[in-house]
C-alpha atoms as a PDB file:
ATOM      1  CA  UNK A   1     148.885  49.698 177.645  1.00  0.00           C
ATOM      2  CA  UNK A   2     146.723  52.526 176.166  1.00  0.00           C
ATOM      3  CA  UNK A   3     148.128  54.701 173.320  1.00  0.00           C
ATOM      4  CA  UNK A   4     148.308  58.781 173.187  1.00  0.00           C
ATOM      5  CA  UNK A   5     147.109  60.559 170.658  1.00  0.00           C
ATOM      6  CA  UNK A   6     147.871  64.609 170.424  1.00  0.00           C
ATOM      7  CA  UNK A   7     146.018  66.879 168.162  1.00  0.00           C
ATOM      8  CA  UNK A   8     148.010  69.514 166.711  1.00  0.00           C
ATOM      9  CA  UNK A   9     145.072  71.442 164.256  1.00  0.00           C
ATOM     10  CA  UNK A  10     147.796  73.776 162.767  1.00  0.00           C
ATOM     11  CA  UNK A  11     148.601  74.646 159.198  1.00  0.00           C
ATOM     12  CA  UNK A  12     150.577  76.994 157.004  1.00  0.00           C
ATOM     13  CA  UNK A  13     147.607  76.321 154.647  1.00  0.00           C
ATOM     14  CA  UNK A  14     144.939  74.009 154.652  1.00  0.00           C
ATOM     15  CA  UNK A  15     145.022  71.472 151.444  1.00  0.00           C
ATOM     16  CA  UNK A  16     142.198  71.638 149.074  1.00  0.00           C
ATOM     17  CA  UNK A  17     141.479  67.803 149.811  1.00  0.00           C
ATOM     18  CA  UNK A  18     141.378  68.038 153.752  1.00  0.00           C
ATOM     19  CA  UNK A  19     138.802  67.728 155.877  1.00  0.00           C
ATOM     20  CA  UNK A  20     140.416  67.297 159.362  1.00  0.00           C
ATOM     21  CA  UNK A  21     139.974  69.919 161.994  1.00  0.00           C
ATOM     22  CA  UNK A  22     142.864  72.412 160.808  1.00  0.00           C
ATOM     23  CA  UNK A  23     143.445  75.596 160.038  1.00  0.00           C
ATOM     24  CA  UNK A  24     145.898  78.531 159.688  1.00  0.00           C
ATOM     25  CA  UNK A  25     146.782  80.376 163.080  1.00  0.00           C
ATOM     26  CA  UNK A  26     148.091  83.040 164.907  1.00  0.00           C
ATOM     27  CA  UNK A  27     150.884  83.444 167.403  1.00  0.00           C
ATOM     28  CA  UNK A  28     147.914  84.007 169.833  1.00  0.00           C
ATOM     29  CA  UNK A  29     146.209  81.025 168.916  1.00  0.00           C
ATOM     30  CA  UNK A  30     149.223  78.998 169.531  1.00  0.00           C
ATOM     31  CA  UNK A  31     149.570  80.157 172.894  1.00  0.00           C
ATOM     32  CA  UNK A  32     146.019  80.242 173.869  1.00  0.00           C
ATOM     33  CA  UNK A  33     145.916  76.531 172.489  1.00  0.00           C
ATOM     34  CA  UNK A  34     148.758  75.056 173.618  1.00  0.00           C
ATOM     35  CA  UNK A  35     147.401  75.845 177.279  1.00  0.00           C
ATOM     36  CA  UNK A  36     144.438  74.278 176.585  1.00  0.00           C
ATOM     37  CA  UNK A  37     146.323  71.173 175.686  1.00  0.00           C
ATOM     38  CA  UNK A  38     148.040  71.360 178.749  1.00  0.00           C
ATOM     39  CA  UNK A  39     145.502  70.972 180.827  1.00  0.00           C
ATOM     40  CA  UNK A  40     143.596  68.534 179.072  1.00  0.00           C
ATOM     41  CA  UNK A  41     146.927  66.230 179.168  1.00  0.00           C
ATOM     42  CA  UNK A  42     146.825  66.736 182.996  1.00  0.00           C
ATOM     43  CA  UNK A  43     143.219  64.950 183.215  1.00  0.00           C
ATOM     44  CA  UNK A  44     145.737  61.833 182.277  1.00  0.00           C
ATOM     45  CA  UNK A  45     148.419  62.493 184.382  1.00  0.00           C
ATOM     46  CA  UNK A  46     150.352  59.579 185.496  1.00  0.00           C
ATOM     47  CA  UNK A  47     148.663  57.330 182.901  1.00  0.00           C
ATOM     48  CA  UNK A  48     151.241  54.324 181.339  1.00  0.00           C
ATOM     49  CA  UNK A  49     151.354  54.585 177.451  1.00  0.00           C
ATOM     50  CA  UNK A  50     153.234  52.766 175.174  1.00  0.00           C
ATOM     51  CA  UNK A  51     152.588  54.716 171.752  1.00  0.00           C
ATOM     52  CA  UNK A  52     151.929  58.399 170.921  1.00  0.00           C
ATOM     53  CA  UNK A  53     151.219  59.867 167.998  1.00  0.00           C
ATOM     54  CA  UNK A  54     151.095  63.896 167.507  1.00  0.00           C
ATOM     55  CA  UNK A  55     149.125  64.745 164.651  1.00  0.00           C
ATOM     56  CA  UNK A  56     147.028  67.165 162.821  1.00  0.00           C
ATOM     57  CA  UNK A  57     147.053  69.453 161.274  1.00  0.00           C
ATOM     58  CA  UNK A  58     151.077  69.753 160.726  1.00  0.00           C
ATOM     59  CA  UNK A  59     152.339  69.430 164.179  1.00  0.00           C
ATOM     60  CA  UNK A  60     156.100  70.759 162.949  1.00  0.00           C
ATOM     61  CA  UNK A  61     154.618  74.168 161.755  1.00  0.00           C
ATOM     62  CA  UNK A  62     155.070  75.162 165.320  1.00  0.00           C
ATOM     63  CA  UNK A  63     158.373  76.943 166.310  1.00  0.00           C
ATOM     64  CA  UNK A  64     161.055  74.946 167.814  1.00  0.00           C
ATOM     65  CA  UNK A  65     160.437  76.524 171.173  1.00  0.00           C
ATOM     66  CA  UNK A  66     156.877  75.585 171.194  1.00  0.00           C
ATOM     67  CA  UNK A  67     157.802  72.159 170.123  1.00  0.00           C
ATOM     68  CA  UNK A  68     160.020  71.409 172.731  1.00  0.00           C
ATOM     69  CA  UNK A  69     157.281  72.869 175.216  1.00  0.00           C
ATOM     70  CA  UNK A  70     155.293  70.387 174.027  1.00  0.00           C
ATOM     71  CA  UNK A  71     157.526  67.374 174.130  1.00  0.00           C
ATOM     72  CA  UNK A  72     158.555  68.301 177.839  1.00  0.00           C
ATOM     73  CA  UNK A  73     154.828  68.442 178.824  1.00  0.00           C
ATOM     74  CA  UNK A  74     154.130  65.138 177.518  1.00  0.00           C
ATOM     75  CA  UNK A  75     157.002  63.468 178.860  1.00  0.00           C
ATOM     76  CA  UNK A  76     156.131  65.156 182.238  1.00  0.00           C
ATOM     77  CA  UNK A  77     152.984  64.243 182.528  1.00  0.00           C
ATOM     78  CA  UNK A  78     152.281  61.030 181.089  1.00  0.00           C
ATOM     79  CA  UNK A  79     154.179  57.765 181.971  1.00  0.00           C
ATOM     80  CA  UNK A  80     156.355  56.994 178.760  1.00  0.00           C
ATOM     81  CA  UNK A  81     158.996  54.297 181.004  1.00  0.00           C
ATOM     82  CA  UNK A  82     157.545  51.282 178.003  1.00  0.00           C
ATOM     83  CA  UNK A  83     156.794  53.354 175.320  1.00  0.00           C
ATOM     84  CA  UNK A  84     157.813  51.880 172.187  1.00  0.00           C
ATOM     85  CA  UNK A  85     156.897  54.373 169.308  1.00  0.00           C
ATOM     86  CA  UNK A  86     156.724  58.085 169.381  1.00  0.00           C
ATOM     87  CA  UNK A  87     155.421  59.611 166.236  1.00  0.00           C
ATOM     88  CA  UNK A  88     155.103  62.925 164.845  1.00  0.00           C
ATOM     89  CA  UNK A  89     153.470  64.088 161.699  1.00  0.00           C
ATOM     90  CA  UNK A  90     155.062  66.775 159.144  1.00  0.00           C
ATOM     91  CA  UNK A  91     155.102  68.126 156.031  1.00  0.00           C
ATOM     92  CA  UNK A  92     158.121  69.682 154.233  1.00  0.00           C
ATOM     93  CA  UNK A  93     158.562  73.083 154.376  1.00  0.00           C
ATOM     94  CA  UNK A  94     157.736  73.101 158.011  1.00  0.00           C
ATOM     95  CA  UNK A  95     160.885  71.200 158.929  1.00  0.00           C
ATOM     96  CA  UNK A  96     164.734  72.434 159.659  1.00  0.00           C
ATOM     97  CA  UNK A  97     167.795  71.062 161.555  1.00  0.00           C
ATOM     98  CA  UNK A  98     166.592  72.932 164.940  1.00  0.00           C
ATOM     99  CA  UNK A  99     163.169  71.166 165.021  1.00  0.00           C
ATOM    100  CA  UNK A 100     164.778  68.119 164.239  1.00  0.00           C
ATOM    101  CA  UNK A 101     167.115  68.028 166.964  1.00  0.00           C
ATOM    102  CA  UNK A 102     164.214  69.081 169.567  1.00  0.00           C
ATOM    103  CA  UNK A 103     162.279  65.980 168.286  1.00  0.00           C
ATOM    104  CA  UNK A 104     165.245  63.841 168.607  1.00  0.00           C
ATOM    105  CA  UNK A 105     166.200  65.287 172.528  1.00  0.00           C
ATOM    106  CA  UNK A 106     162.318  65.112 173.187  1.00  0.00           C
ATOM    107  CA  UNK A 107     162.107  61.168 172.605  1.00  0.00           C
ATOM    108  CA  UNK A 108     160.526  60.965 169.554  1.00  0.00           C
ATOM    109  CA  UNK A 109     161.613  57.716 167.402  1.00  0.00           C
ATOM    110  CA  UNK A 110     159.424  57.770 164.225  1.00  0.00           C
ATOM    111  CA  UNK A 111     158.209  60.666 161.631  1.00  0.00           C
ATOM    112  CA  UNK A 112     155.779  60.301 159.269  1.00  0.00           C
ATOM    113  CA  UNK A 113     156.132  62.827 156.391  1.00  0.00           C
ATOM    114  CA  UNK A 114     153.005  64.209 154.237  1.00  0.00           C
ATOM    115  CA  UNK A 115     154.807  64.022 150.903  1.00  0.00           C
ATOM    116  CA  UNK A 116     151.505  63.041 148.691  1.00  0.00           C
ATOM    117  CA  UNK A 117     153.209  63.286 145.640  1.00  0.00           C
ATOM    118  CA  UNK A 118     156.658  63.528 143.856  1.00  0.00           C
ATOM    119  CA  UNK A 119     154.914  65.436 140.759  1.00  0.00           C
ATOM    120  CA  UNK A 120     154.887  69.418 141.192  1.00  0.00           C
ATOM    121  CA  UNK A 121     151.994  69.488 139.346  1.00  0.00           C
ATOM    122  CA  UNK A 122     149.702  67.074 141.348  1.00  0.00           C
ATOM    123  CA  UNK A 123     151.443  68.726 144.194  1.00  0.00           C
ATOM    124  CA  UNK A 124     150.106  72.308 143.125  1.00  0.00           C
ATOM    125  CA  UNK A 125     146.571  70.718 142.098  1.00  0.00           C
ATOM    126  CA  UNK A 126     145.793  69.708 145.627  1.00  0.00           C
ATOM    127  CA  UNK A 127     146.880  72.804 147.386  1.00  0.00           C
ATOM    128  CA  UNK A 128     150.198  71.516 148.841  1.00  0.00           C
ATOM    129  CA  UNK A 129     152.820  74.105 149.765  1.00  0.00           C
ATOM    130  CA  UNK A 130     155.950  72.196 149.252  1.00  0.00           C
ATOM    131  CA  UNK A 131     157.577  70.783 145.877  1.00  0.00           C
ATOM    132  CA  UNK A 132     158.846  67.866 145.114  1.00  0.00           C
ATOM    133  CA  UNK A 133     162.631  68.907 145.380  1.00  0.00           C
ATOM    134  CA  UNK A 134     161.930  70.473 149.045  1.00  0.00           C
ATOM    135  CA  UNK A 135     160.645  66.809 150.107  1.00  0.00           C
ATOM    136  CA  UNK A 136     163.375  64.909 148.686  1.00  0.00           C
ATOM    137  CA  UNK A 137     165.509  67.625 150.834  1.00  0.00           C
ATOM    138  CA  UNK A 138     163.369  67.031 153.974  1.00  0.00           C
ATOM    139  CA  UNK A 139     163.694  63.338 153.788  1.00  0.00           C
ATOM    140  CA  UNK A 140     167.763  63.814 153.590  1.00  0.00           C
ATOM    141  CA  UNK A 141     167.636  66.252 156.420  1.00  0.00           C
ATOM    142  CA  UNK A 142     165.474  63.869 158.313  1.00  0.00           C
ATOM    143  CA  UNK A 143     168.516  61.215 157.645  1.00  0.00           C
ATOM    144  CA  UNK A 144     171.436  63.601 158.468  1.00  0.00           C
ATOM    145  CA  UNK A 145     169.668  63.784 162.098  1.00  0.00           C
ATOM    146  CA  UNK A 146     169.710  60.233 162.646  1.00  0.00           C
ATOM    147  CA  UNK A 147     165.934  59.129 162.310  1.00  0.00           C
ATOM    148  CA  UNK A 148     165.900  55.484 160.838  1.00  0.00           C
ATOM    149  CA  UNK A 149     162.394  54.898 161.193  1.00  0.00           C
ATOM    150  CA  UNK A 150     160.466  57.858 159.109  1.00  0.00           C
ATOM    151  CA  UNK A 151     157.156  57.009 156.916  1.00  0.00           C
ATOM    152  CA  UNK A 152     156.312  58.856 153.417  1.00  0.00           C
ATOM    153  CA  UNK A 153     152.712  58.952 152.760  1.00  0.00           C
ATOM    154  CA  UNK A 154     151.493  59.215 149.053  1.00  0.00           C
ATOM    155  CA  UNK A 155     148.447  59.628 147.577  1.00  0.00           C
ATOM    156  CA  UNK A 156     146.875  57.898 144.399  1.00  0.00           C
ATOM    157  CA  UNK A 157     143.765  59.054 142.278  1.00  0.00           C
ATOM    158  CA  UNK A 158     144.965  62.612 142.383  1.00  0.00           C
ATOM    159  CA  UNK A 159     143.526  65.120 139.682  1.00  0.00           C
ATOM    160  CA  UNK A 160     145.745  65.218 136.250  1.00  0.00           C
ATOM    161  CA  UNK A 161     147.423  61.876 137.718  1.00  0.00           C
ATOM    162  CA  UNK A 162     148.399  59.069 135.463  1.00  0.00           C
ATOM    163  CA  UNK A 163     150.029  55.401 136.007  1.00  0.00           C
ATOM    164  CA  UNK A 164     153.067  56.649 134.839  1.00  0.00           C
ATOM    165  CA  UNK A 165     153.234  59.603 137.313  1.00  0.00           C
ATOM    166  CA  UNK A 166     152.240  57.583 140.189  1.00  0.00           C
ATOM    167  CA  UNK A 167     154.772  55.055 139.304  1.00  0.00           C
ATOM    168  CA  UNK A 168     157.298  57.877 139.236  1.00  0.00           C
ATOM    169  CA  UNK A 169     156.109  58.942 142.868  1.00  0.00           C
ATOM    170  CA  UNK A 170     156.738  55.189 144.275  1.00  0.00           C
ATOM    171  CA  UNK A 171     159.843  54.477 142.538  1.00  0.00           C
ATOM    172  CA  UNK A 172     161.271  58.178 144.141  1.00  0.00           C
ATOM    173  CA  UNK A 173     159.987  57.502 147.533  1.00  0.00           C
ATOM    174  CA  UNK A 174     161.244  53.875 147.470  1.00  0.00           C
ATOM    175  CA  UNK A 175     164.855  55.340 146.657  1.00  0.00           C
ATOM    176  CA  UNK A 176     165.020  57.326 149.473  1.00  0.00           C
ATOM    177  CA  UNK A 177     164.638  54.479 151.693  1.00  0.00           C
ATOM    178  CA  UNK A 178     161.801  54.721 154.385  1.00  0.00           C
ATOM    179  CA  UNK A 179     161.253  52.451 156.853  1.00  0.00           C
ATOM    180  CA  UNK A 180     157.468  52.657 155.733  1.00  0.00           C
ATOM    181  CA  UNK A 181     154.966  54.040 153.049  1.00  0.00           C
ATOM    182  CA  UNK A 182     151.449  55.042 153.034  1.00  0.00           C
ATOM    183  CA  UNK A 183     149.670  55.074 150.096  1.00  0.00           C
ATOM    184  CA  UNK A 184     145.997  56.285 150.297  1.00  0.00           C
ATOM    185  CA  UNK A 185     143.310  57.024 147.794  1.00  0.00           C
ATOM    186  CA  UNK A 186     142.057  60.407 147.414  1.00  0.00           C
ATOM    187  CA  UNK A 187     138.847  60.402 148.873  1.00  0.00           C
ATOM    188  CA  UNK A 188     136.422  63.787 148.236  1.00  0.00           C
ATOM    189  CA  UNK A 189     134.632  64.907 151.038  1.00  0.00           C
ATOM    190  CA  UNK A 190     132.272  67.045 151.040  1.00  0.00           C
ATOM    191  CA  UNK A 191     132.750  70.892 151.747  1.00  0.00           C
ATOM    192  CA  UNK A 192     136.366  70.572 150.803  1.00  0.00           C
ATOM    193  CA  UNK A 193     137.509  73.143 147.959  1.00  0.00           C
ATOM    194  CA  UNK A 194     138.257  69.722 145.616  1.00  0.00           C
ATOM    195  CA  UNK A 195     134.580  68.597 146.337  1.00  0.00           C
ATOM    196  CA  UNK A 196     133.104  71.826 145.123  1.00  0.00           C
ATOM    197  CA  UNK A 197     135.312  71.514 141.919  1.00  0.00           C
ATOM    198  CA  UNK A 198     134.356  68.127 141.466  1.00  0.00           C
ATOM    199  CA  UNK A 199     130.566  69.712 141.333  1.00  0.00           C
ATOM    200  CA  UNK A 200     131.250  71.536 139.226  1.00  0.00           C
ATOM    201  CA  UNK A 201     132.818  68.968 136.910  1.00  0.00           C
ATOM    202  CA  UNK A 202     136.009  70.681 137.020  1.00  0.00           C
ATOM    203  CA  UNK A 203     138.315  67.832 138.065  1.00  0.00           C
ATOM    204  CA  UNK A 204     140.081  65.540 135.708  1.00  0.00           C
ATOM    205  CA  UNK A 205     140.096  62.488 138.011  1.00  0.00           C
ATOM    206  CA  UNK A 206     141.292  59.084 137.099  1.00  0.00           C
ATOM    207  CA  UNK A 207     138.559  56.874 136.345  1.00  0.00           C
ATOM    208  CA  UNK A 208     137.726  53.584 139.004  1.00  0.00           C
ATOM    209  CA  UNK A 209     139.691  51.246 136.612  1.00  0.00           C
ATOM    210  CA  UNK A 210     142.771  53.252 136.832  1.00  0.00           C
ATOM    211  CA  UNK A 211     142.343  53.953 140.472  1.00  0.00           C
ATOM    212  CA  UNK A 212     142.311  50.363 140.781  1.00  0.00           C
ATOM    213  CA  UNK A 213     145.361  49.911 138.656  1.00  0.00           C
ATOM    214  CA  UNK A 214     146.935  52.220 140.779  1.00  0.00           C
ATOM    215  CA  UNK A 215     146.362  50.519 143.680  1.00  0.00           C
ATOM    216  CA  UNK A 216     147.524  47.345 142.381  1.00  0.00           C
ATOM    217  CA  UNK A 217     150.823  48.878 141.329  1.00  0.00           C
ATOM    218  CA  UNK A 218     151.723  50.372 144.484  1.00  0.00           C
ATOM    219  CA  UNK A 219     151.022  46.411 146.441  1.00  0.00           C
ATOM    220  CA  UNK A 220     153.249  44.811 143.555  1.00  0.00           C
ATOM    221  CA  UNK A 221     155.821  47.804 143.438  1.00  0.00           C
ATOM    222  CA  UNK A 222     156.020  48.003 147.030  1.00  0.00           C
ATOM    223  CA  UNK A 223     156.653  44.501 147.662  1.00  0.00           C
ATOM    224  CA  UNK A 224     159.266  44.139 145.341  1.00  0.00           C
ATOM    225  CA  UNK A 225     160.662  46.467 146.900  1.00  0.00           C
ATOM    226  CA  UNK A 226     160.915  44.891 150.485  1.00  0.00           C
ATOM    227  CA  UNK A 227     157.851  46.473 151.686  1.00  0.00           C
ATOM    228  CA  UNK A 228     155.085  44.442 153.223  1.00  0.00           C
ATOM    229  CA  UNK A 229     151.271  45.428 152.989  1.00  0.00           C
ATOM    230  CA  UNK A 230     150.538  45.033 156.500  1.00  0.00           C
ATOM    231  CA  UNK A 231     146.952  46.997 156.258  1.00  0.00           C
ATOM    232  CA  UNK A 232     145.052  47.894 153.462  1.00  0.00           C
ATOM    233  CA  UNK A 233     146.867  51.186 152.841  1.00  0.00           C
ATOM    234  CA  UNK A 234     150.069  50.595 154.421  1.00  0.00           C
ATOM    235  CA  UNK A 235     153.207  49.092 154.170  1.00  0.00           C
ATOM    236  CA  UNK A 236     156.600  48.665 155.695  1.00  0.00           C
ATOM    237  CA  UNK A 237     159.757  46.789 155.863  1.00  0.00           C
ATOM    238  CA  UNK A 238     160.161  44.120 158.637  1.00  0.00           C
ATOM    239  CA  UNK A 239     159.683  45.161 162.151  1.00  0.00           C
ATOM    240  CA  UNK A 240     158.704  48.901 160.741  1.00  0.00           C
ATOM    241  CA  UNK A 241     154.933  48.837 160.556  1.00  0.00           C
ATOM    242  CA  UNK A 242     153.212  51.503 162.607  1.00  0.00           C
ATOM    243  CA  UNK A 243     152.304  50.070 166.454  1.00  0.00           C
ATOM    244  CA  UNK A 244     150.308  53.069 167.544  1.00  0.00           C
ATOM    245  CA  UNK A 245     148.113  53.184 164.111  1.00  0.00           C
ATOM    246  CA  UNK A 246     147.720  48.716 164.769  1.00  0.00           C
ATOM    247  CA  UNK A 247     145.763  49.669 168.126  1.00  0.00           C
ATOM    248  CA  UNK A 248     143.084  51.251 166.236  1.00  0.00           C
ATOM    249  CA  UNK A 249     142.678  48.821 163.716  1.00  0.00           C
ATOM    250  CA  UNK A 250     143.075  45.911 166.654  1.00  0.00           C
ATOM    251  CA  UNK A 251     140.195  48.088 168.743  1.00  0.00           C
ATOM    252  CA  UNK A 252     142.987  48.568 171.653  1.00  0.00           C
ATOM    253  CA  UNK A 253     142.461  51.217 173.852  1.00  0.00           C
ATOM    254  CA  UNK A 254     143.687  54.994 173.484  1.00  0.00           C
ATOM    255  CA  UNK A 255     143.682  58.664 174.885  1.00  0.00           C
ATOM    256  CA  UNK A 256     142.514  61.587 172.820  1.00  0.00           C
ATOM    257  CA  UNK A 257     143.437  65.049 173.415  1.00  0.00           C
ATOM    258  CA  UNK A 258     143.331  68.191 171.440  1.00  0.00           C
ATOM    259  CA  UNK A 259     141.042  69.712 169.854  1.00  0.00           C
ATOM    260  CA  UNK A 260     138.151  67.200 167.944  1.00  0.00           C
ATOM    261  CA  UNK A 261     140.648  64.083 169.223  1.00  0.00           C
ATOM    262  CA  UNK A 262     138.956  60.858 169.716  1.00  0.00           C
ATOM    263  CA  UNK A 263     139.182  58.481 172.650  1.00  0.00           C
ATOM    264  CA  UNK A 264     138.668  54.688 173.502  1.00  0.00           C
ATOM    265  CA  UNK A 265     138.730  54.068 177.182  1.00  0.00           C
ATOM    266  CA  UNK A 266     136.929  51.631 179.320  1.00  0.00           C
ATOM    267  CA  UNK A 267     134.606  50.284 176.619  1.00  0.00           C
ATOM    268  CA  UNK A 268     133.460  53.598 175.808  1.00  0.00           C
ATOM    269  CA  UNK A 269     134.319  55.915 172.710  1.00  0.00           C
ATOM    270  CA  UNK A 270     133.680  59.617 173.047  1.00  0.00           C
ATOM    271  CA  UNK A 271     135.286  62.995 171.515  1.00  0.00           C
ATOM    272  CA  UNK A 272     136.954  66.499 172.545  1.00  0.00           C
ATOM    273  CA  UNK A 273     134.885  69.535 171.138  1.00  0.00           C
ATOM    274  CA  UNK A 274     135.722  70.520 167.592  1.00  0.00           C
ATOM    275  CA  UNK A 275     134.845  74.372 168.592  1.00  0.00           C
ATOM    276  CA  UNK A 276     138.170  76.094 168.836  1.00  0.00           C
ATOM    277  CA  UNK A 277     136.757  79.060 171.208  1.00  0.00           C
ATOM    278  CA  UNK A 278     135.144  76.263 173.388  1.00  0.00           C
ATOM    279  CA  UNK A 279     138.033  74.202 173.870  1.00  0.00           C
ATOM    280  CA  UNK A 280     140.409  76.963 174.717  1.00  0.00           C
ATOM    281  CA  UNK A 281     137.874  78.516 177.569  1.00  0.00           C
ATOM    282  CA  UNK A 282     138.539  74.946 178.930  1.00  0.00           C
ATOM    283  CA  UNK A 283     135.847  72.649 177.562  1.00  0.00           C
ATOM    284  CA  UNK A 284     136.885  69.077 178.116  1.00  0.00           C
ATOM    285  CA  UNK A 285     133.784  67.505 178.066  1.00  0.00           C
ATOM    286  CA  UNK A 286     133.033  63.959 176.477  1.00  0.00           C
ATOM    287  CA  UNK A 287     131.251  64.533 173.139  1.00  0.00           C
ATOM    288  CA  UNK A 288     129.411  61.888 171.224  1.00  0.00           C
ATOM    289  CA  UNK A 289     130.163  59.360 174.063  1.00  0.00           C
ATOM    290  CA  UNK A 290     129.193  56.070 173.091  1.00  0.00           C
ATOM    291  CA  UNK A 291     129.284  53.119 175.385  1.00  0.00           C
ATOM    292  CA  UNK A 292     129.871  49.823 172.924  1.00  0.00           C
ATOM    293  CA  UNK A 293     127.874  46.628 173.716  1.00  0.00           C
ATOM    294  CA  UNK A 294     129.281  43.158 172.934  1.00  0.00           C
ATOM    295  CA  UNK A 295     127.522  42.947 170.003  1.00  0.00           C
ATOM    296  CA  UNK A 296     129.272  46.546 169.134  1.00  0.00           C
ATOM    297  CA  UNK A 297     132.541  45.129 170.280  1.00  0.00           C
ATOM    298  CA  UNK A 298     132.545  41.992 167.685  1.00  0.00           C
ATOM    299  CA  UNK A 299     131.677  44.261 164.654  1.00  0.00           C
ATOM    300  CA  UNK A 300     134.130  46.453 165.046  1.00  0.00           C
ATOM    301  CA  UNK A 301     136.681  44.065 166.144  1.00  0.00           C
ATOM    302  CA  UNK A 302     135.782  42.178 162.646  1.00  0.00           C
ATOM    303  CA  UNK A 303     135.808  45.233 160.463  1.00  0.00           C
ATOM    304  CA  UNK A 304     138.492  46.834 161.718  1.00  0.00           C
ATOM    305  CA  UNK A 305     140.432  43.715 161.983  1.00  0.00           C
ATOM    306  CA  UNK A 306     140.146  42.513 158.335  1.00  0.00           C
ATOM    307  CA  UNK A 307     141.703  45.559 157.188  1.00  0.00           C
ATOM    308  CA  UNK A 308     145.063  44.017 158.349  1.00  0.00           C
ATOM    309  CA  UNK A 309     146.718  41.126 155.933  1.00  0.00           C
ATOM    310  CA  UNK A 310     146.863  39.161 159.015  1.00  0.00           C
ATOM    311  CA  UNK A 311     142.852  38.993 159.274  1.00  0.00           C
ATOM    312  CA  UNK A 312     141.682  38.225 162.762  1.00  0.00           C
ATOM    313  CA  UNK A 313     142.704  36.265 165.928  1.00  0.00           C
ATOM    314  CA  UNK A 314     139.740  33.674 166.726  1.00  0.00           C
ATOM    315  CA  UNK A 315     141.502  33.298 169.907  1.00  0.00           C
ATOM    316  CA  UNK A 316     141.208  37.002 170.685  1.00  0.00           C
ATOM    317  CA  UNK A 317     137.812  37.321 168.963  1.00  0.00           C
ATOM    318  CA  UNK A 318     136.273  34.744 171.440  1.00  0.00           C
END
């Protein structure tokens, strides 16, 4: 079956490394956006999906009432009878017990928590709004709400980060006992504040050798702790890999709704408008639509599949 991706572009504050479609918002922005999002979703009414992923932005920057409205609409519009995984991204400082209960009641089965580091200086340097203590408290709140399947996101090669500080973040994450850990290396994207600092020579970044050592440290440390690498940057306990994200790496079909969301349907890739005003006014055109021929499909199958530790299957390829 197809997967469903829902984009919520709102954040309390945009991080200094982020080039995703995300921004701060007003009450009016939220109401306009949700109204448009629901109309966009209606285009796929009754579609059978077996995974759902709500990302952003920070979906939990929405208040509890808006989150409930969103989840109710997803459940009533799409056919989730065979849904095996329902993920919501969240950042510390945007979560409370009421929101967690709304997520639980709305059918959410998996949470992805953007921690990035357990070192306060590193968090401050990249513009995160939470502290390491708030991240730990959020994780405990998630456990108390009954969520066993949750993931912690970490980042390496951050400004000022050392092997020792990265190991501290890894060890702290492991102590919190998530089912899944993602480890991404910082990428400096043009147009972001960190990129501008880099151009001005103001960033104290780890060198390439240290960055490679960080990756090896993550693989070895997490493996010893029972987290198996199943994709370049993703590690999980047995049976807790991200089913939705595997759809991307295996070139399976998915529906994207929301501002700038991408879809892969009927051998076509396309995206939604990335202009907020156009989107909320009802522009649900297919932008950058591309129909894949056999050569394209073979190429994508190989370079996406080789991200995974299991490699690619010759039976599936042919």
